[in-house]
Every structure is written in C-alpha cells, then in structure tokens.
Amino acid sequence: MVDRNPTEHALLVAVERPGQAWAATDSLEELARLAETVDVEVVGSVTQRLPHPMAGTYVGTGKLQEIRDSRDELGYDLVMIDDDLTPAQQRNLEKALDVMVIDRTALILDVFARRAATHEGRLQVELAQLEYRLPRLTGMWTHLSRQGVGGVGLRGPGETQLESDRRELGKRIVHIKRELGEVHTHRQLYRDRRRAAPMPVVALVGYTNAGKSTLLNALTGANVMAEDKLFATLDPTTRRRSLPSGREVLFTDTVGFINNLPTLLIAAFRATLEEINEASVLMHVVDVTHPNAAEQMQTVMSVLEDLGADDKPVVTALNKVDRLLDADGHVPSVECLLAMLGEAAPLAVNPVAIGVRCTAGRCRGRTGSRSPVRARRADRAVLPLRPGRSVPSPGPGG
C-alpha cells in the first residue's frame, strides 16, 4: 500500500453569521473532509462571528492579523475559506497573508476534478472550473495592465495578455458547451426511448456519502464504486431491477449534493441532474447516523427545489440504521429515527429504514435511552443491503 503524504497544510477560516443553517464548526468539519479528499492536511481552524463577511478581506483586521501571526506556529501554506470569495477578497487575502487562498467553491471543483471518471464528467467539471476562473483573470493581470499608457492602438502588455487569456478561455468554454450539448441530445434520445416503453424510474438522491451507490449495488447487483468518501462517484448509473410483483423498475444513482453546492456545478452537470427531473419517484437516501443529518436533508430538499424536482413523489430511505443496533440487535423504530431528525422530520416523506441484516424493534436514541414505541408495519420495511434479495414493500403510506 502506498502512503499518500499531504503536500499542503491548510488553515480553515469561516465567518459565523446569525441565523445560518449550518453551525460554523459543523461546516468546517465538512470542509476538512473535503480537504482530506484532495490530500491536504488541516492544521487548524479559525472562526469569527460577524453580521456578514467583510467586503475587502472576508474577516476583520484583527482576525486577519491573528491568522497571519499563527503561520509560524501552525506551519500552514494554504488558507481555505468556508465560503464563496469575490475575486477582490481572494486577492486581498493573498496579499495580506502571502499564501495561496482558495474558497469553498474552488475546493469542491478540485474534488470533482479528481473524481470525474468519464469523458462527460471531466467536461462538466472543466466547464465549471473555467467559468469560475474567468472573472478572476483580471486580478491576475492587474499589475501588468497598469504598465500600459492606454489609448487606441496603445494597449499595455498586461491588458493584451488578459484579453488573450479571456479569448482562449472563452473559446474553450464554447467548445465544451457544444460537446455537452451533444451529450444532452444523446441523453434526451435515450429518455425518449425509455418513455416509449414505460418503465418506472427511481432516482436515488441525497447528500454526498449518504450511501446511494451502496444501495444501488444492493438493489440491482450493480458494481458502482462505493467508498466512505465525499463524491466517490459523479457519473449517473442506471440499472434494471425486477420487483417481487414481477414489474421491472430502473434505479438511477445520481451525483451527491453538499452544503453550498456551487451553482457553477449545478449548471455544468445539467445533463446529469436532468435524470432527477425525469424520474417517476425520488428515493431520498439519508445517513440517519450523521450528526448533521437534519441539515443535510434540508440541503438536499433545497437543491431539489432549485432543480424544479421538489414536486416529485418521494420515499425517504433512512440509511445506515444497522449502526444504531441495541444490545438485542434491534434497529430503532421509524418513530425514533424521525425523532432524531428533530425539526427536519417532516421532510422524511414515506420513511423506510435501511440497513444491513436489520430487524425492526426497540430504539436506542442519541442519548442512549430506549423507547418502547411499538414498530408500525412501515418500520418493518427494512431493506437488507445484499444483492439479489427481494425488497419488502412498505405498508400504506410507507
């Protein structure tokens, strides 16, 4: 086994604003996992409570000095901001800290670039990266553009280089969009043929690393890569499955969502995400054991709303319940699982518990207390994650 030593050491920075959906500490934990995905070692984190990020430097002057002073102690050579930076903010921070500064969008784009396995996936990521970089070219060439005297026919070297880079990026963006347009046409033809032979389509949607690919493999015997990593798979996979009734259904795995999913990626992955809009039913896979399961559910529903797919029939798969077994080997009841979700419980439409070799029974909640709530019929619709096994149908309303 080859050891993969981190090549960069990052300090994470976040502004905690009043009323934000995610606590800054939770969001930074997720940012740290994203950093680890690209082999960056996190050496520390800094947060600051502000009504809103500072327009010029994201954090205040005092906090900026604190970050600068901690460099010798922490040994960071990269700063990751848990937010979207404007080109000016990024430029000002790099000047003040004398290290590379990247924002959350740039990091997610880097993760996607490493995960893209198909030609289509790589094109989609490259498009998002180019559109992200285009408005940031100006800052890269500001110091040169000042050398020019201006006027028609008298442009400076910096402005010339800037225009050249913009032109080249523009050409590449147009080329990629043309190629992705052809992919979209191909997918649309496939969907038209699929509609001609009516077969229900179930799209597996959910937060990244919620277990969608594992579930697809279990339901259909597919061999999609399923790892305990953020965005382990990017490309949609569709497989056919015969239900106990004999009816055939198509199951489609889709790219996972994440908090503050860059709009550039949503636009670039349009052809892929359209699989969600074409589905007959959405299976919302939730890692019910995650401490931020409620926030993750809200994020997924928000993205579905942005995609115009929030009106689709939904079944909520409360996944990984096998990690919540009590001393008798019983999984929590659906009532207990919903209680764990708190205010997000109403988002769990038609909930079904899913795990490995599970049986329904008593519940051990987060506090360790047991609840003698009797399981409903829907509770017993537990899907064993083993290929080739039939899937019990949930009861009414499940």
Protein backbone atom coordinates (compact mmCIF):
# COMPACT_ATOMS: atom_id res chain seq x y z
CA MET A 1 0.00 0.00 0.00
CA VAL A 2 1.41 3.41 -0.96
CA ASP A 3 1.33 6.14 1.68
CA ARG A 4 -0.12 9.38 0.39
CA ASN A 5 1.55 12.18 2.31
CA PRO A 6 -0.16 15.57 2.17
CA THR A 7 1.68 18.08 0.03
CA GLU A 8 -0.06 21.11 1.52
CA HIS A 9 -1.10 22.17 5.00
CA ALA A 10 -4.24 24.24 5.32
CA LEU A 11 -5.75 26.61 7.82
CA LEU A 12 -9.55 26.71 7.61
CA VAL A 13 -11.36 30.02 8.08
CA ALA A 14 -15.07 30.72 8.47
CA VAL A 15 -17.36 33.59 9.38
CA GLU A 16 -20.28 32.60 11.59
CA ARG A 17 -23.33 34.66 10.71
CA PRO A 18 -26.57 34.94 12.71
CA GLY A 19 -29.27 32.55 11.56
CA GLN A 20 -27.14 30.48 9.19
CA ALA A 21 -28.41 26.94 8.53
CA TRP A 22 -25.16 25.20 9.48
CA ALA A 23 -23.09 25.96 12.58
CA ALA A 24 -19.64 27.15 11.59
CA THR A 25 -17.95 24.27 13.42
CA ASP A 26 -20.04 21.67 11.58
CA SER A 27 -19.42 23.30 8.22
CA LEU A 28 -15.68 23.45 8.94
CA GLU A 29 -15.66 19.74 9.77
CA GLU A 30 -17.12 19.08 6.33
CA LEU A 31 -14.58 21.43 4.75
CA ALA A 32 -11.83 19.44 6.49
CA ARG A 33 -13.15 16.22 4.94
CA LEU A 34 -13.14 17.87 1.53
CA ALA A 35 -9.54 18.96 2.15
CA GLU A 36 -8.53 15.43 3.08
CA THR A 37 -10.12 14.21 -0.14
CA VAL A 38 -7.53 16.22 -2.11
CA ASP A 39 -4.67 15.13 0.20
CA VAL A 40 -4.40 18.40 2.12
CA GLU A 41 -3.67 18.21 5.84
CA VAL A 42 -5.70 20.55 8.02
CA VAL A 43 -3.51 22.11 10.73
CA GLY A 44 -6.08 24.38 12.36
CA SER A 45 -9.22 26.45 12.00
CA VAL A 46 -10.32 29.99 12.79
CA THR A 47 -13.84 31.37 13.09
CA GLN A 48 -15.18 34.88 13.61
CA ARG A 49 -18.70 35.99 14.40
CA LEU A 50 -19.80 38.79 12.13
CA PRO A 51 -23.15 40.04 10.79
CA HIS A 52 -21.68 39.39 7.34
CA PRO A 53 -18.20 38.84 5.84
CA MET A 54 -16.07 41.95 5.39
CA ALA A 55 -16.23 43.21 1.81
CA GLY A 56 -12.48 43.61 1.44
CA THR A 57 -10.82 40.82 3.43
CA TYR A 58 -13.69 38.49 4.47
CA VAL A 59 -12.62 38.67 8.15
CA GLY A 60 -11.89 41.74 10.26
CA THR A 61 -8.50 43.40 10.53
CA GLY A 62 -7.75 41.95 13.98
CA LYS A 63 -8.68 38.40 12.96
CA LEU A 64 -6.61 38.78 9.80
CA GLN A 65 -3.59 39.72 11.94
CA GLU A 66 -4.27 36.71 14.19
CA ILE A 67 -4.28 34.42 11.17
CA ARG A 68 -1.04 35.93 9.89
CA ASP A 69 0.66 35.62 13.30
CA SER A 70 -0.28 31.93 13.63
CA ARG A 71 1.54 30.89 10.46
CA ASP A 72 4.89 30.12 12.13
CA GLU A 73 3.22 28.06 14.86
CA LEU A 74 0.83 26.12 12.61
CA GLY A 75 3.02 25.88 9.53
CA TYR A 76 0.19 26.37 7.06
CA ASP A 77 0.93 27.16 3.41
CA LEU A 78 -2.68 27.33 2.25
CA VAL A 79 -5.80 29.05 3.57
CA MET A 80 -9.23 27.60 2.81
CA ILE A 81 -12.25 29.85 3.25
CA ASP A 82 -15.54 28.11 4.05
CA ASP A 83 -17.47 30.46 1.83
CA ASP A 84 -17.51 31.92 -1.68
CA LEU A 85 -14.97 34.71 -2.08
CA THR A 86 -15.16 37.55 -4.54
CA PRO A 87 -12.06 37.92 -6.74
CA ALA A 88 -11.17 41.07 -4.78
CA GLN A 89 -11.46 39.31 -1.40
CA GLN A 90 -9.26 36.48 -2.60
CA ARG A 91 -6.67 38.87 -3.99
CA ASN A 92 -6.62 40.97 -0.80
CA LEU A 93 -6.29 37.93 1.44
CA GLU A 94 -3.42 36.51 -0.58
CA LYS A 95 -1.64 39.84 -0.46
CA ALA A 96 -2.13 40.17 3.30
CA LEU A 97 -1.23 36.56 4.20
CA ASP A 98 1.36 35.86 1.50
CA VAL A 99 -0.05 32.37 0.88
CA MET A 100 -2.48 30.84 -1.59
CA VAL A 101 -6.12 31.34 -0.61
CA ILE A 102 -8.97 29.27 -2.05
CA ASP A 103 -12.66 29.32 -1.29
CA ARG A 104 -15.18 26.52 -0.81
CA THR A 105 -16.22 26.52 -4.46
CA ALA A 106 -12.63 26.09 -5.69
CA LEU A 107 -12.10 23.19 -3.29
CA ILE A 108 -15.29 21.40 -4.35
CA LEU A 109 -14.33 21.90 -8.00
CA ASP A 110 -10.94 20.33 -7.25
CA VAL A 111 -12.63 17.34 -5.60
CA PHE A 112 -14.91 16.91 -8.59
CA ALA A 113 -11.95 17.15 -10.97
CA ARG A 114 -10.26 14.27 -9.16
CA ARG A 115 -13.41 12.16 -9.05
CA ALA A 116 -14.57 12.59 -12.66
CA ALA A 117 -14.05 9.23 -14.36
CA THR A 118 -15.83 9.61 -17.70
CA HIS A 119 -15.30 11.97 -20.62
CA GLU A 120 -18.64 13.62 -19.90
CA GLY A 121 -17.83 14.05 -16.23
CA ARG A 122 -14.45 15.60 -16.98
CA LEU A 123 -16.02 18.01 -19.48
CA GLN A 124 -18.64 19.10 -16.96
CA VAL A 125 -16.03 19.76 -14.29
CA GLU A 126 -13.72 21.59 -16.68
CA LEU A 127 -16.59 23.84 -17.76
CA ALA A 128 -17.34 24.76 -14.16
CA GLN A 129 -13.66 25.40 -13.45
CA LEU A 130 -13.21 27.65 -16.48
CA GLU A 131 -16.30 29.68 -15.67
CA TYR A 132 -15.06 30.02 -12.10
CA ARG A 133 -11.63 31.24 -13.24
CA LEU A 134 -12.79 33.62 -15.96
CA PRO A 135 -13.78 36.55 -13.69
CA ARG A 136 -10.61 36.04 -11.66
CA LEU A 137 -8.27 36.66 -14.58
CA THR A 138 -8.49 40.42 -14.11
CA GLY A 139 -6.81 40.26 -10.73
CA MET A 140 -4.01 38.10 -12.10
CA TRP A 141 -3.02 40.75 -14.62
CA THR A 142 -3.78 43.99 -12.76
CA HIS A 143 -0.11 44.68 -12.04
CA LEU A 144 0.76 44.43 -15.75
CA SER A 145 -2.20 46.35 -17.11
CA ARG A 146 -1.02 49.44 -15.23
CA GLN A 147 2.11 49.49 -17.38
CA GLY A 148 0.17 50.39 -20.49
CA VAL A 149 -0.35 54.01 -21.49
CA GLY A 150 -3.80 53.25 -22.85
CA GLY A 151 -5.49 54.66 -25.89
CA VAL A 152 -6.42 53.07 -29.21
CA GLY A 153 -3.51 51.02 -30.51
CA LEU A 154 -1.50 51.68 -27.35
CA ARG A 155 -2.72 48.96 -25.00
CA GLY A 156 -0.25 47.79 -22.36
CA PRO A 157 1.19 44.25 -22.21
CA GLY A 158 -0.93 43.28 -19.23
CA GLU A 159 -4.18 44.19 -20.93
CA THR A 160 -3.06 42.35 -24.06
CA GLN A 161 -2.30 39.18 -22.09
CA LEU A 162 -5.57 39.47 -20.17
CA GLU A 163 -7.58 39.77 -23.36
CA SER A 164 -5.68 36.85 -24.88
CA ASP A 165 -6.39 34.64 -21.86
CA ARG A 166 -10.04 35.65 -21.84
CA ARG A 167 -10.33 34.85 -25.53
CA GLU A 168 -8.74 31.41 -25.11
CA LEU A 169 -10.91 30.57 -22.12
CA GLY A 170 -13.98 31.78 -23.99
CA LYS A 171 -13.18 29.54 -26.95
CA ARG A 172 -12.70 26.53 -24.70
CA ILE A 173 -15.96 27.21 -22.87
CA VAL A 174 -17.85 27.42 -26.16
CA HIS A 175 -16.24 24.16 -27.33
CA ILE A 176 -17.12 22.30 -24.12
CA LYS A 177 -20.69 23.58 -24.16
CA ARG A 178 -21.02 22.33 -27.73
CA GLU A 179 -19.78 18.87 -26.72
CA LEU A 180 -22.05 18.77 -23.69
CA GLY A 181 -24.94 19.83 -25.93
CA GLU A 182 -24.33 16.70 -27.98
CA VAL A 183 -24.31 14.65 -24.77
CA HIS A 184 -27.59 16.26 -23.77
CA THR A 185 -29.11 15.36 -27.16
CA HIS A 186 -27.93 11.76 -26.78
CA ARG A 187 -29.39 11.53 -23.27
CA GLN A 188 -32.66 13.02 -24.45
CA LEU A 189 -32.94 10.41 -27.21
CA TYR A 190 -32.33 7.71 -24.61
CA ARG A 191 -35.02 9.16 -22.37
CA ASP A 192 -37.45 9.34 -25.28
CA ARG A 193 -36.88 5.63 -26.00
CA ARG A 194 -37.34 4.89 -22.31
CA ARG A 195 -40.67 6.72 -22.29
CA ALA A 196 -41.80 4.74 -25.33
CA ALA A 197 -41.51 1.54 -23.26
CA PRO A 198 -42.98 2.77 -19.97
CA MET A 199 -40.89 1.65 -17.05
CA PRO A 200 -40.84 3.46 -13.70
CA VAL A 201 -37.59 5.21 -12.87
CA VAL A 202 -36.43 5.61 -9.28
CA ALA A 203 -33.68 8.23 -8.86
CA LEU A 204 -31.53 7.86 -5.77
CA VAL A 205 -30.82 11.35 -4.46
CA GLY A 206 -29.17 12.54 -1.29
CA TYR A 207 -26.25 14.16 0.42
CA THR A 208 -22.80 13.03 -0.61
CA ASN A 209 -21.65 9.87 1.20
CA ALA A 210 -25.18 9.04 2.35
CA GLY A 211 -24.90 5.56 0.81
CA LYS A 212 -26.65 5.93 -2.56
CA SER A 213 -24.14 3.84 -4.53
CA THR A 214 -24.12 1.09 -1.89
CA LEU A 215 -27.91 0.99 -2.06
CA LEU A 216 -27.89 0.83 -5.87
CA ASN A 217 -25.42 -2.07 -5.73
CA ALA A 218 -27.57 -3.87 -3.18
CA LEU A 219 -30.84 -3.38 -5.04
CA THR A 220 -29.60 -4.20 -8.53
CA GLY A 221 -26.34 -6.11 -8.20
CA ALA A 222 -24.51 -3.23 -9.87
CA ASN A 223 -20.80 -2.74 -9.31
CA VAL A 224 -20.67 1.02 -8.77
CA MET A 225 -17.74 2.19 -6.68
CA ALA A 226 -18.98 2.76 -3.15
CA GLU A 227 -16.46 4.22 -0.70
CA ASP A 228 -16.61 6.17 2.52
CA LYS A 229 -15.56 9.33 0.71
CA LEU A 230 -17.21 12.57 -0.32
CA PHE A 231 -18.25 12.44 -4.00
CA ALA A 232 -16.86 8.91 -4.56
CA THR A 233 -18.99 8.76 -7.72
CA LEU A 234 -20.00 11.58 -10.05
CA ASP A 235 -21.43 9.87 -13.11
CA PRO A 236 -25.02 8.59 -13.12
CA THR A 237 -25.53 4.84 -13.31
CA THR A 238 -28.85 3.21 -14.23
CA ARG A 239 -29.69 -0.44 -13.59
CA ARG A 240 -32.83 -2.54 -14.04
CA ARG A 241 -34.44 -4.45 -11.19
CA SER A 242 -37.43 -6.81 -11.06
CA LEU A 243 -39.69 -6.24 -8.07
CA PRO A 244 -41.39 -9.14 -6.22
CA SER A 245 -44.54 -8.33 -8.20
CA GLY A 246 -42.65 -9.05 -11.42
CA ARG A 247 -42.70 -5.44 -12.55
CA GLU A 248 -39.40 -4.02 -13.75
CA VAL A 249 -38.04 -0.74 -12.44
CA LEU A 250 -34.98 1.35 -13.36
CA PHE A 251 -32.85 2.62 -10.49
CA THR A 252 -30.54 5.57 -11.18
CA ASP A 253 -27.72 6.70 -8.92
CA THR A 254 -27.08 10.45 -9.12
CA VAL A 255 -24.31 12.79 -8.00
CA GLY A 256 -24.48 13.65 -4.32
CA PHE A 257 -25.33 17.10 -3.02
CA ILE A 258 -23.43 19.16 -0.48
CA ASN A 259 -23.98 22.31 1.54
CA ASN A 260 -23.41 25.38 -0.63
CA LEU A 261 -23.15 23.30 -3.80
CA PRO A 262 -21.64 25.72 -6.33
CA THR A 263 -24.19 26.97 -8.83
CA LEU A 264 -21.49 26.57 -11.50
CA LEU A 265 -21.52 22.82 -10.87
CA ILE A 266 -25.30 22.64 -10.95
CA ALA A 267 -25.24 24.36 -14.34
CA ALA A 268 -22.35 22.25 -15.67
CA PHE A 269 -23.96 18.98 -14.54
CA ARG A 270 -27.29 19.90 -16.12
CA ALA A 271 -27.40 16.80 -18.34
CA THR A 272 -26.64 14.55 -15.38
CA LEU A 273 -29.06 16.19 -12.97
CA GLU A 274 -31.87 16.02 -15.52
CA GLU A 275 -32.09 12.32 -14.62
CA ILE A 276 -33.71 13.53 -11.41
CA ASN A 277 -36.38 15.51 -13.24
CA GLU A 278 -37.14 12.53 -15.49
CA ALA A 279 -37.65 10.13 -12.57
CA SER A 280 -41.03 8.73 -11.60
CA VAL A 281 -40.06 8.59 -7.93
CA LEU A 282 -37.21 10.02 -5.89
CA MET A 283 -35.61 7.91 -3.19
CA HIS A 284 -34.04 10.37 -0.78
CA VAL A 285 -31.20 8.46 0.89
CA VAL A 286 -30.37 9.89 4.33
CA ASP A 287 -27.46 8.87 6.54
CA VAL A 288 -29.54 8.95 9.68
CA THR A 289 -26.45 8.34 11.85
CA HIS A 290 -24.74 11.55 10.75
CA PRO A 291 -24.76 14.28 13.40
CA ASN A 292 -25.87 16.77 10.73
CA ALA A 293 -28.49 14.53 9.14
CA ALA A 294 -31.20 17.16 9.60
CA GLU A 295 -29.12 19.89 7.95
CA GLN A 296 -28.16 17.52 5.14
CA MET A 297 -31.81 16.73 4.45
CA GLN A 298 -32.66 20.41 4.29
CA THR A 299 -29.77 20.98 1.88
CA VAL A 300 -30.97 18.18 -0.41
CA MET A 301 -34.54 19.46 -0.45
CA SER A 302 -33.28 22.97 -1.22
CA VAL A 303 -31.26 21.71 -4.21
CA LEU A 304 -34.23 19.67 -5.46
CA GLU A 305 -36.33 22.81 -5.27
CA ASP A 306 -33.71 24.69 -7.30
CA LEU A 307 -33.85 21.90 -9.89
CA GLY A 308 -37.64 22.06 -10.05
CA ALA A 309 -37.93 18.48 -8.80
CA ASP A 310 -39.44 19.19 -5.39
CA ASP A 311 -42.90 18.10 -6.56
CA LYS A 312 -41.85 14.51 -7.31
CA PRO A 313 -43.16 11.58 -5.23
CA VAL A 314 -40.56 10.77 -2.59
CA VAL A 315 -39.60 7.79 -0.47
CA THR A 316 -37.13 8.60 2.29
CA ALA A 317 -34.57 5.86 2.92
CA LEU A 318 -33.29 6.29 6.47
CA ASN A 319 -29.96 4.63 5.83
CA LYS A 320 -27.26 3.00 7.97
CA VAL A 321 -29.63 2.09 10.80
CA ASP A 322 -27.53 -1.04 11.38
CA ARG A 323 -25.10 1.29 13.16
CA LEU A 324 -27.79 2.03 15.73
CA LEU A 325 -28.47 -1.55 16.89
CA ASP A 326 -29.30 -2.00 20.56
CA ALA A 327 -27.96 -4.79 22.79
CA ASP A 328 -30.60 -7.16 21.43
CA GLY A 329 -29.64 -6.50 17.81
CA HIS A 330 -32.77 -4.47 17.08
CA VAL A 331 -32.85 -1.32 14.98
CA PRO A 332 -34.70 1.82 16.06
CA SER A 333 -38.31 2.20 15.07
CA VAL A 334 -39.13 4.74 12.39
CA GLU A 335 -40.71 6.95 15.07
CA CYS A 336 -37.40 7.07 16.92
CA LEU A 337 -35.43 7.72 13.76
CA LEU A 338 -37.72 10.61 12.92
CA ALA A 339 -37.33 11.97 16.45
CA MET A 340 -33.56 12.00 15.90
CA LEU A 341 -34.10 14.30 12.90
CA GLY A 342 -35.83 16.91 15.03
CA GLU A 343 -37.38 19.76 13.05
CA ALA A 344 -36.34 18.08 9.78
CA ALA A 345 -38.59 15.07 10.46
CA PRO A 346 -41.44 16.40 8.25
CA LEU A 347 -39.01 16.27 5.30
CA ALA A 348 -38.83 12.48 5.67
CA VAL A 349 -41.72 11.62 3.35
CA ASN A 350 -42.77 7.94 3.36
CA PRO A 351 -39.85 6.90 5.60
CA VAL A 352 -38.32 3.44 5.35
CA ALA A 353 -35.43 2.16 7.47
CA ILE A 354 -32.49 0.65 5.61
CA GLY A 355 -29.52 -1.27 6.94
CA VAL A 356 -27.54 -4.50 6.90
CA ARG A 357 -29.26 -7.60 8.32
CA CYS A 358 -31.67 -5.46 10.32
CA THR A 359 -34.87 -6.25 12.15
CA ALA A 360 -37.29 -3.67 13.45
CA GLY A 361 -37.66 -3.25 17.17
CA ARG A 362 -36.89 -1.06 20.11
CA CYS A 363 -34.96 2.16 19.75
CA ARG A 364 -31.78 3.41 21.31
CA GLY A 365 -31.73 7.14 20.69
CA ARG A 366 -28.82 9.56 20.60
CA THR A 367 -28.88 9.91 24.36
CA GLY A 368 -28.70 6.14 24.84
CA SER A 369 -32.23 5.92 26.26
CA ARG A 370 -34.57 3.30 24.90
CA SER A 371 -38.05 3.90 23.66
CA PRO A 372 -40.65 1.09 23.88
CA VAL A 373 -42.54 2.54 20.91
CA ARG A 374 -44.12 -0.34 19.02
CA ALA A 375 -42.98 -0.55 15.39
CA ARG A 376 -45.51 0.16 12.68
CA ARG A 377 -45.75 -2.00 9.60
CA ALA A 378 -43.75 0.60 7.70
CA ASP A 379 -40.93 0.12 10.23
CA ARG A 380 -40.54 -3.47 9.11
CA ALA A 381 -39.84 -2.48 5.53
CA VAL A 382 -36.14 -2.82 6.22
CA LEU A 383 -34.01 -3.38 3.14
CA PRO A 384 -31.08 -5.78 3.65
CA LEU A 385 -28.13 -4.44 1.69
CA ARG A 386 -27.33 -7.68 -0.11
CA PRO A 387 -27.61 -8.05 -3.91
CA GLY A 388 -30.28 -10.25 -5.39
CA ARG A 389 -32.66 -10.17 -2.44
CA SER A 390 -36.25 -9.04 -2.84
CA VAL A 391 -37.28 -5.73 -1.36
CA PRO A 392 -40.24 -5.87 1.08
CA SER A 393 -42.96 -3.43 0.15
CA PRO A 394 -43.78 -0.84 2.83
CA GLY A 395 -47.23 -0.63 4.28
CA PRO A 396 -49.82 2.01 3.43
CA GLY A 397 -48.30 5.45 3.45
CA GLY A 398 -44.78 3.95 3.53
